[in-house]
């Protein structure tokens, strides 16, 4: 089994090296999925981030300066 895999790997080296490049669409999809994962992680941990003071309102002003 391992010998067969080695033969297949050796035959891959005979192909054009440009054919082994990652597709630009594949790179775009990976970047979008990573961004979505980051957004979901931040959203799921928002309570913890607020308690640490790392996330809050977009504009947090001192209540003294806010209108009644």
N, C-alpha and C. Protein backbone atom coordinates (compact mmCIF):
# COMPACT_ATOMS: atom_id res chain seq x y z
N UNK A 1 0.82 -1.18 0.00
CA UNK A 1 0.00 0.00 0.00
C UNK A 1 0.87 1.26 0.00
N UNK A 2 1.88 1.28 0.87
CA UNK A 2 2.76 2.45 0.94
C UNK A 2 3.55 2.60 -0.35
N UNK A 3 3.95 1.47 -0.94
CA UNK A 3 4.70 1.53 -2.19
C UNK A 3 3.84 2.14 -3.30
N UNK A 4 2.58 1.81 -3.32
CA UNK A 4 1.68 2.38 -4.33
C UNK A 4 1.54 3.89 -4.15
N UNK A 5 1.43 4.33 -2.91
CA UNK A 5 1.33 5.77 -2.65
C UNK A 5 2.61 6.48 -3.07
N UNK A 6 3.74 5.86 -2.84
CA UNK A 6 5.01 6.47 -3.26
C UNK A 6 5.10 6.57 -4.77
N UNK A 7 4.59 5.57 -5.48
CA UNK A 7 4.58 5.62 -6.94
C UNK A 7 3.69 6.74 -7.42
N UNK A 8 2.54 6.90 -6.79
CA UNK A 8 1.64 7.98 -7.17
C UNK A 8 2.26 9.33 -6.89
N UNK A 9 2.96 9.45 -5.77
CA UNK A 9 3.61 10.72 -5.45
C UNK A 9 4.72 11.02 -6.45
N UNK A 10 5.46 10.02 -6.85
CA UNK A 10 6.53 10.22 -7.82
C UNK A 10 5.96 10.62 -9.17
N UNK A 11 4.82 10.09 -9.54
CA UNK A 11 4.23 10.46 -10.83
C UNK A 11 3.69 11.87 -10.81
N UNK A 12 3.34 12.39 -9.64
CA UNK A 12 2.89 13.78 -9.53
C UNK A 12 4.02 14.74 -9.84
N UNK A 13 5.24 14.37 -9.55
CA UNK A 13 6.39 15.24 -9.80
C UNK A 13 6.67 15.41 -11.27
N UNK A 14 6.13 14.54 -12.11
CA UNK A 14 6.37 14.63 -13.55
C UNK A 14 5.46 15.66 -14.21
N UNK A 15 4.44 16.09 -13.52
CA UNK A 15 3.52 17.06 -14.10
C UNK A 15 4.15 18.44 -14.12
N UNK A 16 3.48 19.32 -14.81
CA UNK A 16 3.92 20.71 -14.90
C UNK A 16 3.88 21.36 -13.52
N UNK A 17 4.96 22.01 -13.07
CA UNK A 17 4.95 22.63 -11.75
C UNK A 17 3.90 23.73 -11.62
N UNK A 18 3.56 24.38 -12.71
CA UNK A 18 2.54 25.43 -12.66
C UNK A 18 1.16 24.84 -12.36
N UNK A 19 0.95 23.58 -12.69
CA UNK A 19 -0.33 22.93 -12.44
C UNK A 19 -0.53 22.65 -10.95
N UNK A 20 0.54 22.69 -10.19
CA UNK A 20 0.45 22.41 -8.76
C UNK A 20 0.16 23.66 -7.95
N UNK A 21 0.04 24.81 -8.58
CA UNK A 21 -0.26 26.05 -7.87
C UNK A 21 -1.70 26.01 -7.37
N UNK A 22 -1.95 26.76 -6.31
CA UNK A 22 -3.31 26.85 -5.78
C UNK A 22 -4.13 27.79 -6.66
N UNK A 23 -5.34 27.43 -6.87
CA UNK A 23 -6.25 28.23 -7.67
C UNK A 23 -6.58 29.53 -6.93
N UNK A 24 -6.64 30.66 -7.63
CA UNK A 24 -7.02 31.91 -6.96
C UNK A 24 -8.40 31.85 -6.31
N UNK A 25 -9.31 31.10 -6.92
CA UNK A 25 -10.64 30.96 -6.34
C UNK A 25 -10.56 30.17 -5.03
N UNK A 26 -9.71 29.17 -4.99
CA UNK A 26 -9.52 28.39 -3.78
C UNK A 26 -8.95 29.25 -2.66
N UNK A 27 -8.02 30.11 -2.98
CA UNK A 27 -7.44 31.03 -2.00
C UNK A 27 -8.51 31.99 -1.48
N UNK A 28 -9.34 32.50 -2.38
CA UNK A 28 -10.42 33.41 -1.99
C UNK A 28 -11.41 32.71 -1.07
N UNK A 29 -11.79 31.51 -1.40
CA UNK A 29 -12.73 30.75 -0.57
C UNK A 29 -12.13 30.50 0.81
N UNK A 30 -10.86 30.16 0.87
CA UNK A 30 -10.21 29.91 2.16
C UNK A 30 -10.16 31.19 3.00
N UNK A 31 -9.90 32.32 2.36
CA UNK A 31 -9.85 33.59 3.09
C UNK A 31 -11.23 33.98 3.62
N UNK A 32 -12.26 33.78 2.81
CA UNK A 32 -13.63 34.10 3.24
C UNK A 32 -14.05 33.19 4.38
N UNK A 33 -13.73 31.91 4.30
CA UNK A 33 -14.08 30.99 5.38
C UNK A 33 -13.34 31.33 6.67
N UNK A 34 -12.08 31.74 6.56
CA UNK A 34 -11.33 32.14 7.76
C UNK A 34 -11.94 33.40 8.38
N UNK A 35 -12.36 34.34 7.54
CA UNK A 35 -13.00 35.54 8.05
C UNK A 35 -14.33 35.22 8.74
N UNK A 36 -15.13 34.35 8.13
CA UNK A 36 -16.39 33.95 8.76
C UNK A 36 -16.15 33.23 10.09
N UNK A 37 -15.13 32.39 10.15
CA UNK A 37 -14.82 31.71 11.39
C UNK A 37 -14.41 32.71 12.47
N UNK A 38 -13.62 33.71 12.10
CA UNK A 38 -13.23 34.73 13.08
C UNK A 38 -14.44 35.50 13.58
N UNK A 39 -15.35 35.86 12.69
CA UNK A 39 -16.56 36.58 13.08
C UNK A 39 -17.42 35.72 14.02
N UNK A 40 -17.56 34.45 13.71
CA UNK A 40 -18.36 33.58 14.56
C UNK A 40 -17.72 33.38 15.93
N UNK A 41 -16.40 33.28 15.98
CA UNK A 41 -15.70 33.13 17.26
C UNK A 41 -15.88 34.38 18.12
N UNK A 42 -15.76 35.54 17.52
CA UNK A 42 -15.94 36.78 18.27
C UNK A 42 -17.38 36.89 18.76
N UNK A 43 -18.33 36.52 17.92
CA UNK A 43 -19.73 36.60 18.30
C UNK A 43 -20.05 35.62 19.43
N UNK A 44 -19.51 34.42 19.36
CA UNK A 44 -19.82 33.44 20.40
C UNK A 44 -19.14 33.76 21.73
N UNK A 45 -18.06 34.52 21.70
CA UNK A 45 -17.35 34.88 22.93
C UNK A 45 -17.53 36.34 23.28
N UNK A 46 -18.57 36.99 22.78
CA UNK A 46 -18.74 38.42 23.00
C UNK A 46 -18.93 38.77 24.47
N UNK A 47 -19.62 37.93 25.23
CA UNK A 47 -19.83 38.22 26.65
C UNK A 47 -18.50 38.23 27.40
N UNK A 48 -17.65 37.28 27.10
CA UNK A 48 -16.33 37.23 27.75
C UNK A 48 -15.47 38.41 27.33
N UNK A 49 -15.55 38.79 26.07
CA UNK A 49 -14.76 39.92 25.61
C UNK A 49 -15.24 41.22 26.24
N UNK A 50 -16.56 41.36 26.43
CA UNK A 50 -17.08 42.56 27.10
C UNK A 50 -16.62 42.62 28.55
N UNK A 51 -16.61 41.46 29.22
CA UNK A 51 -16.20 41.45 30.63
C UNK A 51 -14.73 41.81 30.78
N UNK A 52 -13.93 41.52 29.76
CA UNK A 52 -12.51 41.88 29.80
C UNK A 52 -12.26 43.30 29.32
N UNK A 53 -13.29 43.94 28.80
CA UNK A 53 -13.15 45.31 28.30
C UNK A 53 -12.56 45.39 26.91
N UNK A 54 -12.53 44.28 26.20
CA UNK A 54 -11.97 44.26 24.84
C UNK A 54 -13.01 44.58 23.77
N UNK A 55 -14.27 44.57 24.18
CA UNK A 55 -15.34 44.83 23.22
C UNK A 55 -16.41 45.63 23.93
N UNK A 56 -16.90 46.63 23.28
CA UNK A 56 -17.94 47.45 23.90
C UNK A 56 -18.71 48.21 22.85
N UNK A 57 -19.35 49.28 23.27
CA UNK A 57 -20.10 50.10 22.34
C UNK A 57 -19.14 50.79 21.38
N UNK A 58 -19.68 51.13 20.22
CA UNK A 58 -18.85 51.80 19.21
C UNK A 58 -18.39 53.17 19.72
N UNK A 59 -19.25 53.84 20.48
CA UNK A 59 -18.89 55.15 21.03
C UNK A 59 -19.26 55.13 22.51
N UNK A 60 -18.28 54.96 23.34
CA UNK A 60 -18.57 54.95 24.77
C UNK A 60 -18.06 56.26 25.37
N UNK A 61 -19.00 57.11 25.74
CA UNK A 61 -18.67 58.40 26.34
C UNK A 61 -19.04 58.35 27.81
N UNK A 62 -18.43 59.20 28.56
CA UNK A 62 -18.73 59.31 29.97
C UNK A 62 -20.20 59.73 30.12
N UNK A 63 -20.96 59.08 31.01
CA UNK A 63 -22.38 59.42 31.15
C UNK A 63 -22.63 60.89 31.50
N UNK A 64 -21.66 61.57 32.05
CA UNK A 64 -21.82 62.99 32.39
C UNK A 64 -22.06 63.81 31.14
N UNK A 65 -21.45 63.41 30.06
CA UNK A 65 -21.54 64.18 28.82
C UNK A 65 -22.73 63.79 27.95
N UNK A 66 -23.45 62.76 28.32
CA UNK A 66 -24.62 62.34 27.54
C UNK A 66 -25.83 63.18 27.94
N UNK A 67 -26.72 63.41 26.97
CA UNK A 67 -27.91 64.20 27.26
C UNK A 67 -28.92 63.36 28.03
N UNK A 68 -29.77 64.00 28.82
CA UNK A 68 -30.74 63.24 29.64
C UNK A 68 -31.79 62.55 28.83
